[in-house]
Amino acid sequence: MSENAYAQEVCYNLRGGNRALLMDAFATVRKENFLFPPPWRVAITTQGYGRRAVLEDPEDLYQDMLVELVHEANINTGQPSLWAQIFNWSDLKPGMAVFESGSGLGYFTAIIAHVVGAEGSVYFDEPHDKLYDACRENLASIANVHADYRGAPLDRVYLCYGTTTIPAQLYRNTKLRGQIVFPFTNDWGHGFFISLKKKKKACELKVSSPCAFVVSHTYKNSPFTDDFGELHDMTVDISVVEQALNDDVLDVAKMIHLALEAKSNS
């Protein structure tokens, strides 16, 4: 499959907004530059192909597939069509300041950097010790990508792992009308992508597609994940947000629980 055909497949279901920018990014950014050397163990989701394979030729990478990064930790690159959908849904645009955590070897970081362009900036973090150095090396030559985040105001935050909490610094540094987008999951890694849009007196929560992700290495079990069955788009008053926010994290599971509880008592 050619790079252009790959980009068209990955972005097939996207509508309006940044679709053209995303298609250009997926057609331009070279996958093989953000992987360990071959052979690559992959799970292919492109229609008509077998589910699992071992690839040697870089040209074969241009399919909608997961590429294994750390076998023992079940860490892979992520599915291109899913992330294209999330970047489209969250309205990633040129000129934005973005923070991405759980960058793997930097492929989607480079996609983000391509979309935000020279006027934008991307900060990234990869905590896994088997990926950390290679991720930094892979991204070092991209001018608008930075390994050290020092508190710049952010338009978008993308967390690439299952969690129920957000670092308090990232929440506080997200601009008004900025979004924090992540897989909100139970401790098995099953849940939904959600977006939290900051407003002056509220936080607007929107729910996207179901997902399954490896959970954060700092994942904390929460009794409030029982509320998953009631998860839906909602506006959470700032007073409720503040009850779930401390010096370390915004406990999103607790925030949702308190919001649902307040609604049932009103």
Protein backbone atom coordinates (compact mmCIF):
# COMPACT_ATOMS: atom_id res chain seq x y z
CA MET A 1 0.00 0.00 0.00
CA SER A 2 1.38 3.45 -0.90
CA GLU A 3 1.74 6.19 1.68
CA ASN A 4 -1.13 8.15 0.09
CA ALA A 5 -3.42 5.10 0.05
CA TYR A 6 -2.48 4.43 3.69
CA ALA A 7 -3.34 8.02 4.66
CA GLN A 8 -6.67 7.79 2.84
CA GLU A 9 -7.54 4.56 4.64
CA VAL A 10 -6.50 5.84 8.07
CA CYS A 11 -8.49 9.07 7.62
CA TYR A 12 -11.42 7.55 5.68
CA ASN A 13 -14.14 8.25 8.28
CA LEU A 14 -12.98 11.75 9.22
CA ARG A 15 -15.11 14.76 8.38
CA GLY A 16 -14.22 18.41 7.78
CA GLY A 17 -12.01 20.33 10.18
CA ASN A 18 -8.44 19.10 10.08
CA ARG A 19 -9.00 16.05 7.82
CA ALA A 20 -6.75 17.35 5.02
CA LEU A 21 -3.98 18.19 7.48
CA LEU A 22 -4.18 14.75 9.06
CA MET A 23 -4.11 13.03 5.68
CA ASP A 24 -1.00 14.99 4.75
CA ALA A 25 0.66 14.11 8.07
CA PHE A 26 -0.02 10.37 7.73
CA ALA A 27 1.19 10.40 4.12
CA THR A 28 4.39 12.31 4.99
CA VAL A 29 5.69 11.05 8.35
CA ARG A 30 7.78 7.90 7.85
CA LYS A 31 6.71 5.10 10.20
CA GLU A 32 10.01 3.26 10.04
CA ASN A 33 11.80 6.29 11.51
CA PHE A 34 9.86 5.79 14.75
CA LEU A 35 10.39 2.07 15.31
CA PHE A 36 13.15 -0.23 16.44
CA PRO A 37 15.01 -1.99 13.57
CA PRO A 38 13.17 -4.86 11.84
CA PRO A 39 11.80 -7.48 12.08
CA TRP A 40 8.56 -5.86 13.24
CA ARG A 41 5.82 -7.91 14.88
CA VAL A 42 2.49 -6.42 13.93
CA ALA A 43 -1.25 -6.85 14.28
CA ILE A 44 -2.85 -5.77 11.00
CA THR A 45 -6.39 -4.40 10.92
CA THR A 46 -6.42 -3.41 7.23
CA GLN A 47 -9.30 -5.28 5.58
CA GLY A 48 -8.22 -8.42 3.71
CA TYR A 49 -4.99 -9.06 5.62
CA GLY A 50 -4.14 -11.61 8.32
CA ARG A 51 -4.31 -10.41 11.88
CA ARG A 52 -0.69 -11.02 12.88
CA ALA A 53 2.53 -10.94 10.89
CA VAL A 54 6.26 -10.33 11.03
CA LEU A 55 7.45 -7.66 8.59
CA GLU A 56 10.89 -6.76 7.23
CA ASP A 57 10.17 -4.30 4.41
CA PRO A 58 9.36 -0.68 5.49
CA GLU A 59 6.86 -0.37 2.64
CA ASP A 60 4.74 -3.07 4.29
CA LEU A 61 4.30 -0.86 7.37
CA TYR A 62 1.87 1.43 5.53
CA GLN A 63 -1.27 -0.32 6.70
CA ASP A 64 -3.64 0.34 9.59
CA MET A 65 -1.72 -1.76 12.12
CA LEU A 66 -0.33 -2.02 15.61
CA VAL A 67 3.44 -2.51 15.80
CA GLU A 68 4.84 -4.16 18.90
CA LEU A 69 7.30 -2.05 20.91
CA VAL A 70 7.74 -3.80 24.28
CA HIS A 71 6.49 -7.38 24.17
CA GLU A 72 6.50 -8.14 27.90
CA ALA A 73 4.55 -4.97 28.70
CA ASN A 74 2.05 -5.33 25.80
CA ILE A 75 3.07 -1.88 24.54
CA ASN A 76 2.52 -1.13 20.86
CA THR A 77 2.46 1.93 18.63
CA GLY A 78 -1.31 2.38 18.75
CA GLN A 79 -3.75 2.08 15.87
CA PRO A 80 -3.34 4.87 13.28
CA SER A 81 -7.05 5.08 12.40
CA LEU A 82 -8.01 5.39 16.07
CA TRP A 83 -5.56 8.23 16.70
CA ALA A 84 -6.58 9.94 13.45
CA GLN A 85 -10.15 9.82 14.74
CA ILE A 86 -9.11 11.23 18.13
CA PHE A 87 -7.03 14.05 16.61
CA ASN A 88 -9.97 14.90 14.35
CA TRP A 89 -12.56 14.66 17.16
CA SER A 90 -10.47 16.91 19.42
CA ASP A 91 -9.92 19.45 16.61
CA LEU A 92 -6.11 19.51 16.62
CA LYS A 93 -5.07 22.61 14.66
CA PRO A 94 -2.01 24.50 13.38
CA GLY A 95 -0.35 26.79 15.90
CA MET A 96 -1.39 24.84 18.97
CA ALA A 97 0.78 24.01 21.97
CA VAL A 98 0.39 20.30 22.76
CA PHE A 99 1.63 17.94 25.47
CA GLU A 100 1.71 14.21 24.78
CA SER A 101 2.49 11.60 27.43
CA GLY A 102 3.24 7.99 26.62
CA SER A 103 4.84 8.80 23.27
CA GLY A 104 6.28 5.35 22.60
CA LEU A 105 8.93 5.86 19.92
CA GLY A 106 7.44 9.14 18.73
CA TYR A 107 5.33 8.28 15.67
CA PHE A 108 2.13 10.03 16.73
CA THR A 109 4.20 12.81 18.32
CA ALA A 110 5.60 13.47 14.85
CA ILE A 111 2.05 13.36 13.39
CA ILE A 112 0.94 15.98 15.93
CA ALA A 113 4.00 18.12 15.16
CA HIS A 114 3.21 17.99 11.43
CA VAL A 115 -0.37 19.15 12.05
CA VAL A 116 0.46 22.02 14.45
CA GLY A 117 3.23 23.20 12.13
CA ALA A 118 6.11 25.58 12.67
CA GLU A 119 3.96 28.02 14.64
CA GLY A 120 2.93 25.29 17.07
CA SER A 121 4.89 23.33 19.64
CA VAL A 122 4.79 19.79 20.97
CA TYR A 123 6.10 18.65 24.35
CA PHE A 124 6.40 14.94 25.01
CA ASP A 125 7.11 12.41 27.72
CA GLU A 126 7.86 8.69 27.51
CA PRO A 127 8.39 7.10 30.93
CA HIS A 128 9.18 3.52 29.92
CA ASP A 129 12.88 2.80 30.33
CA LYS A 130 13.03 0.64 27.16
CA LEU A 131 11.60 3.45 25.04
CA TYR A 132 12.82 6.64 26.72
CA ASP A 133 16.20 7.12 24.99
CA ALA A 134 15.08 5.98 21.53
CA CYS A 135 12.01 8.23 21.68
CA ARG A 136 14.15 11.27 22.40
CA GLU A 137 16.60 10.36 19.66
CA ASN A 138 13.84 9.82 17.09
CA LEU A 139 12.26 13.21 17.80
CA ALA A 140 15.44 15.26 18.29
CA SER A 141 15.56 16.57 14.71
CA ILE A 142 11.98 17.90 14.63
CA ALA A 143 12.26 21.62 15.34
CA ASN A 144 8.88 22.16 17.01
CA VAL A 145 9.13 19.11 19.31
CA HIS A 146 10.59 19.46 22.81
CA ALA A 147 11.58 16.82 25.36
CA ASP A 148 11.54 19.20 28.34
CA TYR A 149 8.21 20.67 29.44
CA ARG A 150 8.53 23.67 31.72
CA GLY A 151 4.93 24.69 32.22
CA ALA A 152 3.95 26.45 28.97
CA PRO A 153 0.19 27.02 28.53
CA LEU A 154 -1.35 24.17 26.54
CA ASP A 155 -4.13 23.93 23.97
CA ARG A 156 -4.25 20.14 23.96
CA VAL A 157 -3.03 17.33 26.19
CA TYR A 158 -3.04 13.74 24.92
CA LEU A 159 -2.41 10.86 27.31
CA CYS A 160 -1.64 7.60 25.49
CA TYR A 161 -2.45 5.14 28.28
CA GLY A 162 -5.44 4.10 30.36
CA THR A 163 -5.96 6.15 33.49
CA THR A 164 -8.53 7.73 35.79
CA THR A 165 -6.32 10.62 36.89
CA ILE A 166 -4.58 13.57 35.23
CA PRO A 167 -1.44 15.24 36.62
CA ALA A 168 -2.57 18.42 38.35
CA GLN A 169 0.12 20.46 36.58
CA LEU A 170 -1.25 19.51 33.17
CA TYR A 171 -4.81 20.36 34.15
CA ARG A 172 -3.79 23.72 35.61
CA ASN A 173 -1.61 24.58 32.59
CA THR A 174 -4.32 23.77 30.05
CA LYS A 175 -5.78 26.98 28.63
CA LEU A 176 -9.43 27.92 28.90
CA ARG A 177 -11.21 26.06 26.08
CA GLY A 178 -8.21 23.75 25.85
CA GLN A 179 -8.78 20.00 25.95
CA ILE A 180 -7.29 17.05 27.80
CA VAL A 181 -7.93 13.85 25.84
CA PHE A 182 -7.24 10.35 27.12
CA PRO A 183 -8.48 6.75 27.52
CA PHE A 184 -10.55 6.72 30.73
CA THR A 185 -10.32 3.05 31.73
CA ASN A 186 -10.71 0.55 34.50
CA ASP A 187 -7.66 -1.35 35.77
CA TRP A 188 -8.05 -3.87 32.91
CA GLY A 189 -7.52 -1.02 30.45
CA HIS A 190 -11.08 -1.05 29.11
CA GLY A 191 -13.10 2.13 28.87
CA PHE A 192 -13.73 5.14 26.64
CA PHE A 193 -11.81 8.02 25.16
CA ILE A 194 -12.95 11.19 26.83
CA SER A 195 -12.19 14.87 26.43
CA LEU A 196 -12.20 17.44 29.22
CA LYS A 197 -12.58 20.99 27.92
CA LYS A 198 -11.73 23.66 30.47
CA LYS A 199 -14.10 26.56 30.87
CA LYS A 200 -14.08 29.43 33.33
CA LYS A 201 -16.78 28.03 35.58
CA ALA A 202 -17.01 24.42 34.45
CA CYS A 203 -15.38 21.45 32.75
CA GLU A 204 -17.12 20.08 29.68
CA LEU A 205 -16.76 16.30 29.45
CA LYS A 206 -17.38 14.54 26.14
CA VAL A 207 -17.29 10.80 25.48
CA SER A 208 -15.91 9.27 22.27
CA SER A 209 -15.26 5.68 21.21
CA PRO A 210 -14.78 2.61 23.43
CA CYS A 211 -11.12 1.63 23.71
CA ALA A 212 -8.65 -0.78 25.27
CA PHE A 213 -5.23 0.47 26.37
CA VAL A 214 -2.32 -0.54 28.55
CA VAL A 215 -2.85 1.33 31.80
CA SER A 216 -0.49 3.93 33.22
CA HIS A 217 2.35 2.67 35.41
CA THR A 218 0.92 4.96 38.10
CA TYR A 219 -2.67 3.69 37.67
CA LYS A 220 -4.60 3.70 40.95
CA ASN A 221 -7.69 1.58 41.42
CA SER A 222 -10.73 3.72 42.09
CA PRO A 223 -14.09 2.67 43.50
CA PHE A 224 -15.62 5.33 41.28
CA THR A 225 -14.98 3.33 38.09
CA ASP A 226 -18.30 1.66 38.94
CA ASP A 227 -19.83 4.78 37.37
CA PHE A 228 -18.57 3.76 33.90
CA GLY A 229 -22.02 2.49 33.03
CA GLU A 230 -23.40 6.00 33.53
CA LEU A 231 -20.69 7.78 31.56
CA HIS A 232 -22.09 10.35 29.13
CA ASP A 233 -21.43 13.88 27.92
CA MET A 234 -21.86 16.30 30.81
CA THR A 235 -20.91 19.73 32.09
CA VAL A 236 -19.22 19.58 35.49
CA ASP A 237 -19.40 22.67 37.69
CA ILE A 238 -16.02 24.09 38.70
CA SER A 239 -16.85 23.50 42.39
CA VAL A 240 -17.07 19.76 41.67
CA VAL A 241 -13.81 19.84 39.70
CA GLU A 242 -12.06 21.50 42.64
CA GLN A 243 -13.28 18.78 45.02
CA ALA A 244 -11.52 16.19 42.86
CA LEU A 245 -8.31 18.24 42.39
CA ASN A 246 -5.33 18.19 44.75
CA ASP A 247 -1.67 19.12 44.47
CA ASP A 248 -0.83 15.94 42.55
CA VAL A 249 -3.77 14.91 40.36
CA LEU A 250 -7.23 15.65 39.09
CA ASP A 251 -9.12 12.47 40.02
CA VAL A 252 -11.45 12.25 37.01
CA ALA A 253 -13.25 9.16 38.31
CA LYS A 254 -14.05 10.98 41.54
CA MET A 255 -15.08 14.10 39.61
CA ILE A 256 -17.55 12.11 37.50
CA HIS A 257 -18.91 10.34 40.58
CA LEU A 258 -19.48 13.64 42.40
CA ALA A 259 -21.11 15.18 39.32
CA LEU A 260 -23.50 12.23 38.95
CA GLU A 261 -24.25 12.31 42.65
CA ALA A 262 -25.01 16.05 42.57
CA LYS A 263 -27.31 15.53 39.60
CA SER A 264 -29.24 12.71 41.31
CA ASN A 265 -29.68 14.85 44.44
CA SER A 266 -30.89 17.94 42.59
